[in-house]
Amino acid sequence: MQDDEAVALSEERVTPREQDTLITALLIQERAADVGFDWPDASGPILKVKEELVELERETGGGRREAIADEIGDLLFAVVNLARKLEIDPRAALERANDKFQRRFKAVERLAAERGLQMGQASLEDLDRLWDEVKGQSL
């Protein structure tokens, strides 16, 4: 794929920019559920998430970028469906995950500075140890 084609693919949008794509996925799934196209409980979406993850792993083993992007999209869509079945707002859950990651990452940066490690030059193993330490503090 040429660089121009990759840019065109990445800029192609079905959902208007001002509309939240997580909520759009949720609305699509609710519409399907309204006519009976839905699993009876969360076990179906859990299996679907696992299936999509396997497909993504297969594509990352040498697949085309477009196929990988499709599988990531399918995985995200399946996760939104799982959240819906568990009655969890996927946007709120992602916001909480973003906030948690930011808190933990800032704590990793503080610990690294306290211990004389330079972010960007520290090994991934060192940063992972700091991450595990911070995570153990329930930040």
Protein backbone atom coordinates (compact mmCIF):
# COMPACT_ATOMS: atom_id res chain seq x y z
CA MET A 1 0.00 0.00 0.00
CA GLN A 2 1.31 3.42 -0.96
CA ASP A 3 1.62 6.10 1.74
CA ASP A 4 -1.15 8.14 0.05
CA GLU A 5 -3.48 5.15 0.21
CA ALA A 6 -2.72 4.60 3.90
CA VAL A 7 -3.49 8.25 4.64
CA ALA A 8 -6.75 8.02 2.70
CA LEU A 9 -7.75 4.91 4.65
CA SER A 10 -6.95 6.51 7.98
CA GLU A 11 -8.92 9.64 7.11
CA GLU A 12 -11.99 7.77 5.85
CA ARG A 13 -14.75 8.15 8.41
CA VAL A 14 -18.23 6.76 8.63
CA THR A 15 -19.06 8.58 11.85
CA PRO A 16 -18.97 12.39 11.84
CA ARG A 17 -16.00 13.74 13.83
CA GLU A 18 -18.26 15.45 16.36
CA GLN A 19 -19.99 12.16 17.20
CA ASP A 20 -18.44 9.81 19.77
CA THR A 21 -17.61 6.54 18.00
CA LEU A 22 -17.96 4.51 21.19
CA ILE A 23 -21.49 5.78 21.61
CA THR A 24 -22.21 5.17 17.91
CA ALA A 25 -21.13 1.53 18.35
CA LEU A 26 -23.38 1.28 21.40
CA LEU A 27 -26.35 2.74 19.50
CA ILE A 28 -25.80 0.35 16.58
CA GLN A 29 -25.72 -2.60 18.97
CA GLU A 30 -28.82 -1.40 20.84
CA ARG A 31 -30.70 -1.13 17.54
CA ALA A 32 -29.71 -4.70 16.64
CA ALA A 33 -30.73 -5.88 20.12
CA ASP A 34 -34.12 -4.18 19.76
CA VAL A 35 -34.98 -6.55 16.91
CA GLY A 36 -33.64 -9.63 18.71
CA PHE A 37 -30.13 -9.79 17.25
CA ASP A 38 -28.40 -10.11 20.61
CA TRP A 39 -26.88 -12.61 22.98
CA PRO A 40 -28.96 -13.54 26.02
CA ASP A 41 -26.12 -12.71 28.43
CA ALA A 42 -22.50 -11.56 28.62
CA SER A 43 -21.00 -14.98 27.84
CA GLY A 44 -21.53 -14.47 24.10
CA PRO A 45 -19.74 -11.11 23.96
CA ILE A 46 -16.91 -12.48 26.13
CA LEU A 47 -16.35 -15.28 23.61
CA LYS A 48 -16.55 -12.75 20.77
CA VAL A 49 -13.87 -10.55 22.39
CA LYS A 50 -11.62 -13.61 22.70
CA GLU A 51 -12.30 -14.58 19.08
CA GLU A 52 -11.48 -11.08 17.84
CA LEU A 53 -8.27 -11.04 19.87
CA VAL A 54 -7.18 -14.32 18.26
CA GLU A 55 -7.93 -12.87 14.82
CA LEU A 56 -5.92 -9.76 15.66
CA GLU A 57 -2.98 -11.84 16.83
CA ARG A 58 -3.10 -13.79 13.57
CA GLU A 59 -3.07 -10.60 11.48
CA THR A 60 -0.21 -9.02 13.44
CA GLY A 61 1.91 -12.01 12.47
CA GLY A 62 2.49 -10.56 9.02
CA GLY A 63 -0.91 -9.28 7.99
CA ARG A 64 -1.53 -6.12 6.02
CA ARG A 65 -1.99 -2.89 7.91
CA GLU A 66 -5.57 -2.57 6.64
CA ALA A 67 -6.45 -6.07 7.93
CA ILE A 68 -4.88 -5.28 11.30
CA ALA A 69 -6.90 -2.06 11.52
CA ASP A 70 -10.07 -4.01 10.68
CA GLU A 71 -9.36 -6.52 13.45
CA ILE A 72 -8.67 -3.77 16.00
CA GLY A 73 -11.98 -2.18 15.01
CA ASP A 74 -13.76 -5.52 15.42
CA LEU A 75 -12.16 -6.00 18.83
CA LEU A 76 -13.20 -2.53 19.99
CA PHE A 77 -16.75 -3.09 18.70
CA ALA A 78 -16.91 -6.41 20.57
CA VAL A 79 -15.66 -4.78 23.79
CA VAL A 80 -18.35 -2.09 23.51
CA ASN A 81 -20.92 -4.86 23.09
CA LEU A 82 -19.60 -6.62 26.18
CA ALA A 83 -19.85 -3.39 28.16
CA ARG A 84 -23.44 -2.97 26.96
CA LYS A 85 -24.37 -6.48 28.08
CA LEU A 86 -22.81 -5.80 31.49
CA GLU A 87 -24.66 -2.46 31.67
CA ILE A 88 -21.42 -0.47 31.77
CA ASP A 89 -21.11 2.82 29.91
CA PRO A 90 -18.08 2.14 27.65
CA ARG A 91 -17.18 5.82 27.40
CA ALA A 92 -17.18 6.26 31.18
CA ALA A 93 -15.17 3.04 31.60
CA LEU A 94 -12.58 4.25 29.09
CA GLU A 95 -12.41 7.67 30.77
CA ARG A 96 -11.73 5.92 34.09
CA ALA A 97 -9.04 3.77 32.47
CA ASN A 98 -7.44 6.89 30.93
CA ASP A 99 -7.45 8.66 34.29
CA LYS A 100 -6.01 5.62 36.08
CA PHE A 101 -3.24 5.24 33.50
CA GLN A 102 -2.34 8.93 33.74
CA ARG A 103 -2.18 8.80 37.56
CA ARG A 104 -0.01 5.71 37.47
CA PHE A 105 2.25 7.02 34.72
CA LYS A 106 2.84 10.29 36.62
CA ALA A 107 3.69 8.23 39.70
CA VAL A 108 6.15 6.17 37.61
CA GLU A 109 7.75 9.41 36.41
CA ARG A 110 8.08 10.64 40.03
CA LEU A 111 9.57 7.34 41.20
CA ALA A 112 11.99 7.27 38.29
CA ALA A 113 13.18 10.79 39.12
CA GLU A 114 13.54 9.90 42.82
CA ARG A 115 15.66 6.89 41.88
CA GLY A 116 17.80 8.69 39.34
CA LEU A 117 16.29 6.98 36.31
CA GLN A 118 15.75 9.08 33.20
CA MET A 119 12.50 8.50 31.38
CA GLY A 120 13.28 7.74 27.76
CA GLN A 121 16.59 6.15 28.70
CA ALA A 122 15.49 3.68 31.36
CA SER A 123 14.95 0.11 30.21
CA LEU A 124 11.47 -1.25 29.74
CA GLU A 125 12.21 -3.75 32.51
CA ASP A 126 13.04 -0.91 34.94
CA LEU A 127 9.90 0.97 33.98
CA ASP A 128 7.79 -2.17 34.29
CA ARG A 129 9.12 -2.71 37.82
CA LEU A 130 8.18 0.87 38.71
CA TRP A 131 4.76 0.36 37.11
CA ASP A 132 4.17 -2.79 39.17
CA GLU A 133 5.23 -0.94 42.32
CA VAL A 134 2.83 1.93 41.59
CA LYS A 135 0.04 -0.47 40.66
CA GLY A 136 0.56 -2.26 43.96
CA GLN A 137 -0.15 1.03 45.73
CA SER A 138 -3.63 1.08 44.11
CA LEU A 139 -3.04 4.40 42.35
